[in-house]
Amino acid sequence: QIQLEESGGGLVQNGGSLRLSCAVTGRTTNYYALGWFRQAPGKEREFVAGLSWMGEYTYYSDRVKGRFTISGDNAKNILYLQMSQLTPEDTAVYYCAADRDLNFFSGSDPDHHDVDYWGQGTLVTVSS
């Protein structure tokens, strides 16, 4: 059992940058694949980015590829999402996710219904 806690959300202007953090606590001696999803108002939760359990591979949705960077600090058990060139279309609640399937994020479109653990979410609002 692990717990995920996001931070770093807020209001940012169009074209700006923001870094989200996700602190992983609990039985972190087990290995998990970690990643980020987001959910805009009235829309389905969607995959944003994922990190393989050893951190050697990264995965991104086409919507954020080239603008967002996922990374992890294994010593501190923190997952990051560096977001740049933000647009109003990026406005959403961003959720940290963890899964016991170490290859969970390697698929073409990871399904949020299959995620084992969620954080509470952090709101990112991009003003036009």
C-alpha atoms as a PDB file:
ATOM      1  CA  GLN A   1       0.000   0.000   0.000  1.00  0.00           C
ATOM      2  CA  ILE A   2       1.324   3.411  -0.951  1.00  0.00           C
ATOM      3  CA  GLN A   3       0.044   6.959  -0.757  1.00  0.00           C
ATOM      4  CA  LEU A   4       0.500   9.649  -3.365  1.00  0.00           C
ATOM      5  CA  GLU A   5       0.307  13.362  -2.688  1.00  0.00           C
ATOM      6  CA  GLU A   6       0.531  15.940  -5.450  1.00  0.00           C
ATOM      7  CA  SER A   7       1.587  19.556  -5.112  1.00  0.00           C
ATOM      8  CA  GLY A   8       2.597  22.437  -7.319  1.00  0.00           C
ATOM      9  CA  GLY A   9      -0.642  23.230  -9.107  1.00  0.00           C
ATOM     10  CA  GLY A  10      -1.864  26.771  -9.555  1.00  0.00           C
ATOM     11  CA  LEU A  11      -2.693  29.526 -11.984  1.00  0.00           C
ATOM     12  CA  VAL A  12      -0.299  30.225 -14.838  1.00  0.00           C
ATOM     13  CA  GLN A  13      -0.500  32.360 -17.942  1.00  0.00           C
ATOM     14  CA  ASN A  14      -0.705  31.039 -21.474  1.00  0.00           C
ATOM     15  CA  GLY A  15       2.795  30.004 -22.559  1.00  0.00           C
ATOM     16  CA  GLY A  16       4.040  29.677 -18.995  1.00  0.00           C
ATOM     17  CA  SER A  17       5.590  26.820 -17.071  1.00  0.00           C
ATOM     18  CA  LEU A  18       4.805  24.894 -13.916  1.00  0.00           C
ATOM     19  CA  ARG A  19       6.297  21.926 -12.090  1.00  0.00           C
ATOM     20  CA  LEU A  20       4.146  19.386 -10.325  1.00  0.00           C
ATOM     21  CA  SER A  21       5.458  17.074  -7.629  1.00  0.00           C
ATOM     22  CA  CYS A  22       4.107  13.803  -6.289  1.00  0.00           C
ATOM     23  CA  ALA A  23       5.398  12.469  -2.988  1.00  0.00           C
ATOM     24  CA  VAL A  24       5.230   8.691  -2.717  1.00  0.00           C
ATOM     25  CA  THR A  25       4.957   7.304   0.810  1.00  0.00           C
ATOM     26  CA  GLY A  26       4.111   3.989   2.369  1.00  0.00           C
ATOM     27  CA  ARG A  27       5.506   0.652   1.250  1.00  0.00           C
ATOM     28  CA  THR A  28       7.852   2.220  -1.255  1.00  0.00           C
ATOM     29  CA  THR A  29      10.183  -0.763  -1.077  1.00  0.00           C
ATOM     30  CA  ASN A  30       7.817  -2.344  -3.577  1.00  0.00           C
ATOM     31  CA  TYR A  31       8.298  -1.258  -7.125  1.00  0.00           C
ATOM     32  CA  TYR A  32       5.678   0.640  -9.049  1.00  0.00           C
ATOM     33  CA  ALA A  33       5.329   2.301 -12.392  1.00  0.00           C
ATOM     34  CA  LEU A  34       4.513   5.966 -11.837  1.00  0.00           C
ATOM     35  CA  GLY A  35       2.832   8.521 -14.007  1.00  0.00           C
ATOM     36  CA  TRP A  36       0.427  11.404 -14.453  1.00  0.00           C
ATOM     37  CA  PHE A  37      -3.128  11.671 -15.712  1.00  0.00           C
ATOM     38  CA  ARG A  38      -5.339  14.724 -15.969  1.00  0.00           C
ATOM     39  CA  GLN A  39      -9.023  15.445 -16.070  1.00  0.00           C
ATOM     40  CA  ALA A  40     -10.515  18.587 -17.527  1.00  0.00           C
ATOM     41  CA  PRO A  41     -14.049  19.671 -16.557  1.00  0.00           C
ATOM     42  CA  GLY A  42     -16.626  17.501 -18.265  1.00  0.00           C
ATOM     43  CA  LYS A  43     -14.027  15.250 -19.844  1.00  0.00           C
ATOM     44  CA  GLU A  44     -12.670  11.774 -19.314  1.00  0.00           C
ATOM     45  CA  ARG A  45      -9.482  11.354 -17.321  1.00  0.00           C
ATOM     46  CA  GLU A  46      -6.597  11.019 -19.767  1.00  0.00           C
ATOM     47  CA  PHE A  47      -3.045   9.801 -19.713  1.00  0.00           C
ATOM     48  CA  VAL A  48      -0.350  12.485 -19.689  1.00  0.00           C
ATOM     49  CA  ALA A  49       3.035  10.910 -18.954  1.00  0.00           C
ATOM     50  CA  GLY A  50       4.574   7.793 -17.461  1.00  0.00           C
ATOM     51  CA  LEU A  51       7.885   6.612 -16.098  1.00  0.00           C
ATOM     52  CA  SER A  52       9.184   3.053 -16.072  1.00  0.00           C
ATOM     53  CA  TRP A  53       9.871   1.677 -12.611  1.00  0.00           C
ATOM     54  CA  MET A  54      13.615   2.149 -12.891  1.00  0.00           C
ATOM     55  CA  GLY A  55      13.195   5.513 -14.566  1.00  0.00           C
ATOM     56  CA  GLU A  56      14.982   4.569 -17.749  1.00  0.00           C
ATOM     57  CA  TYR A  57      11.982   5.010 -20.037  1.00  0.00           C
ATOM     58  CA  THR A  58       9.496   7.845 -20.336  1.00  0.00           C
ATOM     59  CA  TYR A  59       6.153   7.869 -22.108  1.00  0.00           C
ATOM     60  CA  TYR A  60       4.009  10.815 -23.180  1.00  0.00           C
ATOM     61  CA  SER A  61       0.668  11.454 -24.746  1.00  0.00           C
ATOM     62  CA  ASP A  62       0.821  13.166 -28.124  1.00  0.00           C
ATOM     63  CA  ARG A  63      -0.859  16.222 -26.610  1.00  0.00           C
ATOM     64  CA  VAL A  64       2.056  16.945 -24.288  1.00  0.00           C
ATOM     65  CA  LYS A  65       5.050  15.400 -26.050  1.00  0.00           C
ATOM     66  CA  GLY A  66       7.806  17.956 -26.417  1.00  0.00           C
ATOM     67  CA  ARG A  67       6.305  20.278 -23.791  1.00  0.00           C
ATOM     68  CA  PHE A  68       6.141  18.158 -20.635  1.00  0.00           C
ATOM     69  CA  THR A  69       8.917  16.207 -18.965  1.00  0.00           C
ATOM     70  CA  ILE A  70       8.412  13.469 -16.389  1.00  0.00           C
ATOM     71  CA  SER A  71      11.189  12.547 -13.995  1.00  0.00           C
ATOM     72  CA  GLY A  72      11.718  10.968 -10.629  1.00  0.00           C
ATOM     73  CA  ASP A  73      13.976  11.293  -7.616  1.00  0.00           C
ATOM     74  CA  ASN A  74      14.300   7.773  -6.259  1.00  0.00           C
ATOM     75  CA  ALA A  75      16.188   8.884  -3.149  1.00  0.00           C
ATOM     76  CA  LYS A  76      13.347  11.199  -2.126  1.00  0.00           C
ATOM     77  CA  ASN A  77      10.518   9.086  -3.615  1.00  0.00           C
ATOM     78  CA  ILE A  78       9.198  12.059  -5.548  1.00  0.00           C
ATOM     79  CA  LEU A  79       7.793  12.114  -9.057  1.00  0.00           C
ATOM     80  CA  TYR A  80       7.860  15.337 -11.058  1.00  0.00           C
ATOM     81  CA  LEU A  81       6.078  16.716 -14.072  1.00  0.00           C
ATOM     82  CA  GLN A  82       7.718  19.742 -15.614  1.00  0.00           C
ATOM     83  CA  MET A  83       5.218  21.502 -17.850  1.00  0.00           C
ATOM     84  CA  SER A  84       6.124  24.219 -20.308  1.00  0.00           C
ATOM     85  CA  GLN A  85       4.432  26.066 -23.176  1.00  0.00           C
ATOM     86  CA  LEU A  86       1.167  25.669 -21.322  1.00  0.00           C
ATOM     87  CA  THR A  87      -2.078  26.540 -23.055  1.00  0.00           C
ATOM     88  CA  PRO A  88      -5.651  26.855 -21.751  1.00  0.00           C
ATOM     89  CA  GLU A  89      -6.258  23.359 -23.131  1.00  0.00           C
ATOM     90  CA  ASP A  90      -3.920  22.062 -20.435  1.00  0.00           C
ATOM     91  CA  THR A  91      -6.254  23.285 -17.705  1.00  0.00           C
ATOM     92  CA  ALA A  92      -7.244  20.266 -15.639  1.00  0.00           C
ATOM     93  CA  VAL A  93      -6.849  18.478 -12.348  1.00  0.00           C
ATOM     94  CA  TYR A  94      -3.603  16.547 -12.563  1.00  0.00           C
ATOM     95  CA  TYR A  95      -3.396  13.208 -10.800  1.00  0.00           C
ATOM     96  CA  CYS A  96      -0.369  11.197  -9.817  1.00  0.00           C
ATOM     97  CA  ALA A  97      -0.810   7.492 -10.475  1.00  0.00           C
ATOM     98  CA  ALA A  98       1.012   4.323  -9.486  1.00  0.00           C
ATOM     99  CA  ASP A  99       0.575   0.781 -10.683  1.00  0.00           C
ATOM    100  CA  ARG A 100       2.022  -2.583  -9.676  1.00  0.00           C
ATOM    101  CA  ASP A 101       2.317  -3.510 -13.339  1.00  0.00           C
ATOM    102  CA  LEU A 102       5.814  -2.237 -14.020  1.00  0.00           C
ATOM    103  CA  ASN A 103       5.012  -1.980 -17.739  1.00  0.00           C
ATOM    104  CA  PHE A 104       1.731  -0.153 -17.185  1.00  0.00           C
ATOM    105  CA  PHE A 105       2.727   3.037 -18.962  1.00  0.00           C
ATOM    106  CA  SER A 106       4.468   1.385 -21.897  1.00  0.00           C
ATOM    107  CA  GLY A 107       1.189   0.804 -23.736  1.00  0.00           C
ATOM    108  CA  SER A 108      -0.121   3.156 -26.385  1.00  0.00           C
ATOM    109  CA  ASP A 109      -2.888   4.592 -24.195  1.00  0.00           C
ATOM    110  CA  PRO A 110      -2.769   3.601 -20.510  1.00  0.00           C
ATOM    111  CA  ASP A 111      -6.287   3.219 -19.166  1.00  0.00           C
ATOM    112  CA  HIS A 112      -7.087   5.187 -16.018  1.00  0.00           C
ATOM    113  CA  HIS A 113      -9.631   2.523 -15.033  1.00  0.00           C
ATOM    114  CA  ASP A 114      -6.756   0.102 -14.433  1.00  0.00           C
ATOM    115  CA  VAL A 115      -4.615   2.293 -12.167  1.00  0.00           C
ATOM    116  CA  ASP A 116      -3.957   0.841  -8.719  1.00  0.00           C
ATOM    117  CA  TYR A 117      -3.250   4.025  -6.731  1.00  0.00           C
ATOM    118  CA  TRP A 118      -4.222   7.674  -7.127  1.00  0.00           C
ATOM    119  CA  GLY A 119      -3.307  10.918  -5.491  1.00  0.00           C
ATOM    120  CA  GLN A 120      -5.984  13.453  -4.622  1.00  0.00           C
ATOM    121  CA  GLY A 121      -5.125  15.674  -7.580  1.00  0.00           C
ATOM    122  CA  THR A 122      -3.827  19.194  -8.022  1.00  0.00           C
ATOM    123  CA  LEU A 123      -5.533  21.848 -10.125  1.00  0.00           C
ATOM    124  CA  VAL A 124      -3.665  23.546 -12.948  1.00  0.00           C
ATOM    125  CA  THR A 125      -5.365  26.533 -14.534  1.00  0.00           C
ATOM    126  CA  VAL A 126      -3.888  28.194 -17.599  1.00  0.00           C
ATOM    127  CA  SER A 127      -5.286  31.622 -18.349  1.00  0.00           C
ATOM    128  CA  SER A 128      -5.623  32.886 -21.903  1.00  0.00           C
END
